[in-house]
Amino acid sequence: MRVVIKVPDSPSLGWWTYSPTSMKLLLMGAACIAAASASAQEATDSSHTLDIYGGQSILMLGSRDHRVEGGFSYAAVKREPRISFGSTHGGILYDSYFEYSHGVGPQWPADDAEAIGGLVMARWSNGSAHSGQGFFTDIGVGLQMADRSSYDLPSELNSTPAADLGVQLPISHRSCQIAVRYLHISNAGTYKPNRGQNEFFLMFSVKV
């Protein structure tokens, strides 16, 4: 008598399904987080945050694939006096993130995608923001690697110009941040058609 035990090729853990590609993305994300942490720790005046975010894509600039997204990230900021002016402090933000998105548009088949990415952004904050409260704005660019292509993103590797606008608030003796982020994802014309995707997020961050 022979007993056969079947093991699923892609066991599922809730919303996440194991696959070799998923594991590669998670390992790459861990490497990005380690690199960001090391870069920020080189400076004596730096801060670190854990972030969660959610949002959706907006059909603009040629995009047609409506998606909802969410994820988490680790960010590190270090002061950069060379881009400071007056009472406005400059800094460099290193952000490593994992993102999950789901297609919800009626025109295209719904599909799930996982991606990891990194951003390098210039940050400007007012005089009190470094002490735990105040306003800030970020602008920069990065790269994103997804586990699959989509209607608007025919390439799995894409560039990601981004901009943030946010506020820091002391909540329960801990500095927190609330921000909105615009993330444009495209392959910069290296693969046609390059419709691109435009994502808007609401982000909540806690300093660690």
C-alpha atoms as a PDB file:
ATOM      1  CA  MET A   1       0.000   0.000   0.000  1.00  0.00           C
ATOM      2  CA  ARG A   2       1.322   3.429  -0.923  1.00  0.00           C
ATOM      3  CA  VAL A   3       0.406   6.649   0.890  1.00  0.00           C
ATOM      4  CA  VAL A   4       0.716   9.914  -1.042  1.00  0.00           C
ATOM      5  CA  ILE A   5       0.790  13.219   0.815  1.00  0.00           C
ATOM      6  CA  LYS A   6       0.162  16.258  -1.330  1.00  0.00           C
ATOM      7  CA  VAL A   7       1.833  19.528  -0.400  1.00  0.00           C
ATOM      8  CA  PRO A   8       0.380  22.666  -2.028  1.00  0.00           C
ATOM      9  CA  ASP A   9       2.757  24.463  -4.374  1.00  0.00           C
ATOM     10  CA  SER A  10       1.709  27.848  -3.007  1.00  0.00           C
ATOM     11  CA  PRO A  11       0.362  27.600   0.539  1.00  0.00           C
ATOM     12  CA  SER A  12      -1.717  30.598   1.541  1.00  0.00           C
ATOM     13  CA  LEU A  13      -1.478  32.608   4.741  1.00  0.00           C
ATOM     14  CA  GLY A  14      -4.528  34.850   4.640  1.00  0.00           C
ATOM     15  CA  TRP A  15      -4.010  37.524   2.002  1.00  0.00           C
ATOM     16  CA  TRP A  16      -0.431  36.414   1.302  1.00  0.00           C
ATOM     17  CA  THR A  17       0.386  33.364  -0.801  1.00  0.00           C
ATOM     18  CA  TYR A  18       3.823  31.806  -0.588  1.00  0.00           C
ATOM     19  CA  SER A  19       5.765  31.573  -3.831  1.00  0.00           C
ATOM     20  CA  PRO A  20       9.448  31.735  -4.778  1.00  0.00           C
ATOM     21  CA  THR A  21       8.850  35.233  -6.170  1.00  0.00           C
ATOM     22  CA  SER A  22       7.206  36.359  -2.934  1.00  0.00           C
ATOM     23  CA  MET A  23      10.165  35.108  -0.927  1.00  0.00           C
ATOM     24  CA  LYS A  24      12.569  36.959  -3.215  1.00  0.00           C
ATOM     25  CA  LEU A  25      10.590  40.162  -2.733  1.00  0.00           C
ATOM     26  CA  LEU A  26      10.598  39.781   1.048  1.00  0.00           C
ATOM     27  CA  LEU A  27      14.344  39.095   1.109  1.00  0.00           C
ATOM     28  CA  MET A  28      15.009  42.106  -1.110  1.00  0.00           C
ATOM     29  CA  GLY A  29      12.815  44.218   1.171  1.00  0.00           C
ATOM     30  CA  ALA A  30      14.789  43.098   4.220  1.00  0.00           C
ATOM     31  CA  ALA A  31      18.023  44.050   2.443  1.00  0.00           C
ATOM     32  CA  CYS A  32      16.626  47.512   1.626  1.00  0.00           C
ATOM     33  CA  ILE A  33      15.605  48.054   5.252  1.00  0.00           C
ATOM     34  CA  ALA A  34      19.065  47.040   6.468  1.00  0.00           C
ATOM     35  CA  ALA A  35      20.702  49.423   3.985  1.00  0.00           C
ATOM     36  CA  ALA A  36      18.465  52.328   5.023  1.00  0.00           C
ATOM     37  CA  SER A  37      19.167  51.695   8.693  1.00  0.00           C
ATOM     38  CA  ALA A  38      22.913  51.573   8.128  1.00  0.00           C
ATOM     39  CA  SER A  39      22.864  54.803   6.114  1.00  0.00           C
ATOM     40  CA  ALA A  40      20.953  56.700   8.784  1.00  0.00           C
ATOM     41  CA  GLN A  41      22.983  55.354  11.680  1.00  0.00           C
ATOM     42  CA  GLU A  42      26.120  56.859  10.173  1.00  0.00           C
ATOM     43  CA  ALA A  43      24.767  60.253  11.237  1.00  0.00           C
ATOM     44  CA  THR A  44      24.472  61.268  14.863  1.00  0.00           C
ATOM     45  CA  ASP A  45      21.361  63.351  14.194  1.00  0.00           C
ATOM     46  CA  SER A  46      18.891  60.889  12.667  1.00  0.00           C
ATOM     47  CA  SER A  47      15.418  59.484  13.275  1.00  0.00           C
ATOM     48  CA  HIS A  48      13.668  56.242  12.334  1.00  0.00           C
ATOM     49  CA  THR A  49       9.990  55.462  11.758  1.00  0.00           C
ATOM     50  CA  LEU A  50       7.760  52.463  11.140  1.00  0.00           C
ATOM     51  CA  ASP A  51       4.965  53.318   8.719  1.00  0.00           C
ATOM     52  CA  ILE A  52       1.672  51.830   7.544  1.00  0.00           C
ATOM     53  CA  TYR A  53      -0.294  53.202   4.621  1.00  0.00           C
ATOM     54  CA  GLY A  54      -3.281  52.612   2.394  1.00  0.00           C
ATOM     55  CA  GLY A  55      -4.791  54.232  -0.658  1.00  0.00           C
ATOM     56  CA  GLN A  56      -5.713  53.779  -4.267  1.00  0.00           C
ATOM     57  CA  SER A  57      -4.616  54.588  -7.783  1.00  0.00           C
ATOM     58  CA  ILE A  58      -6.179  57.519  -9.620  1.00  0.00           C
ATOM     59  CA  LEU A  59      -7.014  57.205 -13.310  1.00  0.00           C
ATOM     60  CA  MET A  60      -4.969  60.071 -14.725  1.00  0.00           C
ATOM     61  CA  LEU A  61      -2.133  60.697 -17.193  1.00  0.00           C
ATOM     62  CA  GLY A  62      -3.208  57.744 -19.346  1.00  0.00           C
ATOM     63  CA  SER A  63      -3.626  55.085 -16.629  1.00  0.00           C
ATOM     64  CA  ARG A  64      -6.755  52.879 -16.779  1.00  0.00           C
ATOM     65  CA  ASP A  65      -6.231  50.128 -14.180  1.00  0.00           C
ATOM     66  CA  HIS A  66      -7.999  51.097 -10.946  1.00  0.00           C
ATOM     67  CA  ARG A  67      -6.289  49.502  -7.927  1.00  0.00           C
ATOM     68  CA  VAL A  68      -6.374  49.677  -4.124  1.00  0.00           C
ATOM     69  CA  GLU A  69      -3.069  49.405  -2.259  1.00  0.00           C
ATOM     70  CA  GLY A  70      -1.679  49.060   1.210  1.00  0.00           C
ATOM     71  CA  GLY A  71       1.621  48.294   2.827  1.00  0.00           C
ATOM     72  CA  PHE A  72       4.228  49.062   5.428  1.00  0.00           C
ATOM     73  CA  SER A  73       7.672  50.621   5.407  1.00  0.00           C
ATOM     74  CA  TYR A  74      10.725  51.487   7.428  1.00  0.00           C
ATOM     75  CA  ALA A  75      12.147  54.979   6.992  1.00  0.00           C
ATOM     76  CA  ALA A  76      15.228  56.746   8.270  1.00  0.00           C
ATOM     77  CA  VAL A  77      15.919  60.468   8.089  1.00  0.00           C
ATOM     78  CA  LYS A  78      19.201  62.217   8.724  1.00  0.00           C
ATOM     79  CA  ARG A  79      19.781  65.953   8.747  1.00  0.00           C
ATOM     80  CA  GLU A  80      21.471  67.525   5.754  1.00  0.00           C
ATOM     81  CA  PRO A  81      22.579  71.129   6.450  1.00  0.00           C
ATOM     82  CA  ARG A  82      23.509  71.691   2.810  1.00  0.00           C
ATOM     83  CA  ILE A  83      19.841  71.838   1.773  1.00  0.00           C
ATOM     84  CA  SER A  84      18.665  73.820   4.814  1.00  0.00           C
ATOM     85  CA  PHE A  85      17.728  77.467   4.539  1.00  0.00           C
ATOM     86  CA  GLY A  86      16.630  79.913   7.217  1.00  0.00           C
ATOM     87  CA  SER A  87      14.431  78.216   9.814  1.00  0.00           C
ATOM     88  CA  THR A  88      13.681  75.366   7.393  1.00  0.00           C
ATOM     89  CA  HIS A  89      15.756  72.264   8.120  1.00  0.00           C
ATOM     90  CA  GLY A  90      16.864  69.934   5.358  1.00  0.00           C
ATOM     91  CA  GLY A  91      17.247  66.185   5.556  1.00  0.00           C
ATOM     92  CA  ILE A  92      17.578  63.021   3.499  1.00  0.00           C
ATOM     93  CA  LEU A  93      14.881  60.348   3.805  1.00  0.00           C
ATOM     94  CA  TYR A  94      15.620  56.671   3.057  1.00  0.00           C
ATOM     95  CA  ASP A  95      12.400  54.655   2.730  1.00  0.00           C
ATOM     96  CA  SER A  96      12.085  50.886   2.141  1.00  0.00           C
ATOM     97  CA  TYR A  97       8.588  49.474   1.694  1.00  0.00           C
ATOM     98  CA  PHE A  98       6.469  46.432   0.913  1.00  0.00           C
ATOM     99  CA  GLU A  99       3.231  47.007  -0.997  1.00  0.00           C
ATOM    100  CA  TYR A 100       0.215  44.856  -1.824  1.00  0.00           C
ATOM    101  CA  SER A 101      -2.286  45.943  -4.487  1.00  0.00           C
ATOM    102  CA  HIS A 102      -5.530  44.562  -5.874  1.00  0.00           C
ATOM    103  CA  GLY A 103      -7.228  45.445  -9.142  1.00  0.00           C
ATOM    104  CA  VAL A 104     -10.846  46.548  -8.682  1.00  0.00           C
ATOM    105  CA  GLY A 105     -11.720  48.052 -12.056  1.00  0.00           C
ATOM    106  CA  PRO A 106     -14.524  46.424 -14.085  1.00  0.00           C
ATOM    107  CA  GLN A 107     -12.620  46.688 -17.371  1.00  0.00           C
ATOM    108  CA  TRP A 108      -9.683  44.436 -16.557  1.00  0.00           C
ATOM    109  CA  PRO A 109      -9.511  41.115 -14.700  1.00  0.00           C
ATOM    110  CA  ALA A 110      -8.886  41.660 -10.988  1.00  0.00           C
ATOM    111  CA  ASP A 111      -5.385  40.629 -10.010  1.00  0.00           C
ATOM    112  CA  ASP A 112      -3.137  40.854  -6.980  1.00  0.00           C
ATOM    113  CA  ALA A 113       0.419  42.120  -6.984  1.00  0.00           C
ATOM    114  CA  GLU A 114       3.178  42.337  -4.393  1.00  0.00           C
ATOM    115  CA  ALA A 115       6.069  44.750  -4.673  1.00  0.00           C
ATOM    116  CA  ILE A 116       9.050  46.041  -2.762  1.00  0.00           C
ATOM    117  CA  GLY A 117      10.669  49.381  -3.302  1.00  0.00           C
ATOM    118  CA  GLY A 118      13.024  52.019  -2.054  1.00  0.00           C
ATOM    119  CA  LEU A 119      12.928  55.804  -2.090  1.00  0.00           C
ATOM    120  CA  VAL A 120      15.553  58.486  -1.515  1.00  0.00           C
ATOM    121  CA  MET A 121      13.913  61.842  -0.819  1.00  0.00           C
ATOM    122  CA  ALA A 122      14.886  65.327   0.249  1.00  0.00           C
ATOM    123  CA  ARG A 123      12.952  66.479   3.327  1.00  0.00           C
ATOM    124  CA  TRP A 124      12.284  70.041   4.424  1.00  0.00           C
ATOM    125  CA  SER A 125      10.686  70.686   7.813  1.00  0.00           C
ATOM    126  CA  ASN A 126       9.940  73.806   9.797  1.00  0.00           C
ATOM    127  CA  GLY A 127      11.878  74.863  12.876  1.00  0.00           C
ATOM    128  CA  SER A 128       9.957  72.720  15.358  1.00  0.00           C
ATOM    129  CA  ALA A 129       9.502  69.527  13.333  1.00  0.00           C
ATOM    130  CA  HIS A 130      12.794  67.972  14.480  1.00  0.00           C
ATOM    131  CA  SER A 131      11.684  68.313  18.090  1.00  0.00           C
ATOM    132  CA  GLY A 132       8.598  66.176  17.474  1.00  0.00           C
ATOM    133  CA  GLN A 133       5.983  68.488  15.983  1.00  0.00           C
ATOM    134  CA  GLY A 134       5.591  70.601  12.882  1.00  0.00           C
ATOM    135  CA  PHE A 135       5.110  70.289   9.139  1.00  0.00           C
ATOM    136  CA  PHE A 136       7.318  68.654   6.521  1.00  0.00           C
ATOM    137  CA  THR A 137       7.442  67.999   2.791  1.00  0.00           C
ATOM    138  CA  ASP A 138       9.440  65.389   0.878  1.00  0.00           C
ATOM    139  CA  ILE A 139      10.324  64.994  -2.780  1.00  0.00           C
ATOM    140  CA  GLY A 140      12.435  62.302  -4.396  1.00  0.00           C
ATOM    141  CA  VAL A 141      12.639  59.210  -6.558  1.00  0.00           C
ATOM    142  CA  GLY A 142      13.160  55.477  -6.223  1.00  0.00           C
ATOM    143  CA  LEU A 143      12.720  52.033  -7.768  1.00  0.00           C
ATOM    144  CA  GLN A 144      10.031  49.377  -7.354  1.00  0.00           C
ATOM    145  CA  MET A 145      10.124  45.666  -8.206  1.00  0.00           C
ATOM    146  CA  ALA A 146       6.795  43.800  -8.517  1.00  0.00           C
ATOM    147  CA  ASP A 147       6.101  40.089  -8.766  1.00  0.00           C
ATOM    148  CA  ARG A 148       3.978  40.564 -11.883  1.00  0.00           C
ATOM    149  CA  SER A 149       3.143  43.076 -14.572  1.00  0.00           C
ATOM    150  CA  SER A 150      -0.267  44.717 -14.960  1.00  0.00           C
ATOM    151  CA  TYR A 151      -2.246  46.580 -17.597  1.00  0.00           C
ATOM    152  CA  ASP A 152      -0.723  49.955 -16.714  1.00  0.00           C
ATOM    153  CA  LEU A 153       2.696  48.541 -15.747  1.00  0.00           C
ATOM    154  CA  PRO A 154       3.984  46.175 -18.447  1.00  0.00           C
ATOM    155  CA  SER A 155       7.419  46.111 -16.784  1.00  0.00           C
ATOM    156  CA  GLU A 156       7.989  44.553 -13.357  1.00  0.00           C
ATOM    157  CA  LEU A 157      10.840  47.010 -12.596  1.00  0.00           C
ATOM    158  CA  ASN A 158       9.757  50.646 -12.512  1.00  0.00           C
ATOM    159  CA  SER A 159      10.937  54.082 -11.407  1.00  0.00           C
ATOM    160  CA  THR A 160       8.944  55.871  -8.694  1.00  0.00           C
ATOM    161  CA  PRO A 161       9.036  59.671  -8.394  1.00  0.00           C
ATOM    162  CA  ALA A 162       7.254  60.614  -5.156  1.00  0.00           C
ATOM    163  CA  ALA A 163       6.183  63.551  -2.998  1.00  0.00           C
ATOM    164  CA  ASP A 164       4.878  63.773   0.590  1.00  0.00           C
ATOM    165  CA  LEU A 165       3.135  66.416   2.656  1.00  0.00           C
ATOM    166  CA  GLY A 166       2.751  65.743   6.358  1.00  0.00           C
ATOM    167  CA  VAL A 167       2.722  66.808   9.968  1.00  0.00           C
ATOM    168  CA  GLN A 168       4.482  65.505  13.075  1.00  0.00           C
ATOM    169  CA  LEU A 169       2.504  65.332  16.312  1.00  0.00           C
ATOM    170  CA  PRO A 170       3.391  64.207  19.844  1.00  0.00           C
ATOM    171  CA  ILE A 171       0.872  61.473  20.748  1.00  0.00           C
ATOM    172  CA  SER A 172       1.091  59.636  24.081  1.00  0.00           C
ATOM    173  CA  HIS A 173       4.675  60.810  24.663  1.00  0.00           C
ATOM    174  CA  ARG A 174       5.749  59.477  21.253  1.00  0.00           C
ATOM    175  CA  SER A 175       6.301  61.456  18.061  1.00  0.00           C
ATOM    176  CA  CYS A 176       3.967  60.363  15.256  1.00  0.00           C
ATOM    177  CA  GLN A 177       3.545  61.473  11.669  1.00  0.00           C
ATOM    178  CA  ILE A 178       0.507  61.719   9.400  1.00  0.00           C
ATOM    179  CA  ALA A 179       1.154  62.343   5.718  1.00  0.00           C
ATOM    180  CA  VAL A 180      -0.254  62.025   2.234  1.00  0.00           C
ATOM    181  CA  ARG A 181       1.977  60.587  -0.475  1.00  0.00           C
ATOM    182  CA  TYR A 182       1.807  60.739  -4.255  1.00  0.00           C
ATOM    183  CA  LEU A 183       3.704  57.921  -5.953  1.00  0.00           C
ATOM    184  CA  HIS A 184       4.066  57.768  -9.735  1.00  0.00           C
ATOM    185  CA  ILE A 185       5.111  54.358 -11.054  1.00  0.00           C
ATOM    186  CA  SER A 186       6.394  53.894 -14.609  1.00  0.00           C
ATOM    187  CA  ASN A 187       9.261  52.373 -16.563  1.00  0.00           C
ATOM    188  CA  ALA A 188      10.425  55.783 -17.875  1.00  0.00           C
ATOM    189  CA  GLY A 189       9.646  54.789 -21.453  1.00  0.00           C
ATOM    190  CA  THR A 190      11.975  51.782 -21.547  1.00  0.00           C
ATOM    191  CA  TYR A 191       9.077  49.400 -22.273  1.00  0.00           C
ATOM    192  CA  LYS A 192       6.015  50.209 -24.371  1.00  0.00           C
ATOM    193  CA  PRO A 193       3.225  51.001 -23.770  1.00  0.00           C
ATOM    194  CA  ASN A 194       4.161  53.019 -20.703  1.00  0.00           C
ATOM    195  CA  ARG A 195       0.810  54.094 -19.233  1.00  0.00           C
ATOM    196  CA  GLY A 196       2.125  54.271 -15.682  1.00  0.00           C
ATOM    197  CA  GLN A 197       0.221  54.278 -12.420  1.00  0.00           C
ATOM    198  CA  ASN A 198      -0.550  57.136 -10.023  1.00  0.00           C
ATOM    199  CA  GLU A 199      -1.076  56.202  -6.379  1.00  0.00           C
ATOM    200  CA  PHE A 200      -2.255  58.377  -3.490  1.00  0.00           C
ATOM    201  CA  PHE A 201      -1.739  57.156   0.080  1.00  0.00           C
ATOM    202  CA  LEU A 202      -2.578  58.167   3.609  1.00  0.00           C
ATOM    203  CA  MET A 203       0.366  57.271   5.833  1.00  0.00           C
ATOM    204  CA  PHE A 204       0.702  56.923   9.598  1.00  0.00           C
ATOM    205  CA  SER A 205       4.177  56.694  11.124  1.00  0.00           C
ATOM    206  CA  VAL A 206       5.585  56.170  14.608  1.00  0.00           C
ATOM    207  CA  LYS A 207       9.137  57.089  15.565  1.00  0.00           C
ATOM    208  CA  VAL A 208      11.177  54.172  16.935  1.00  0.00           C
END
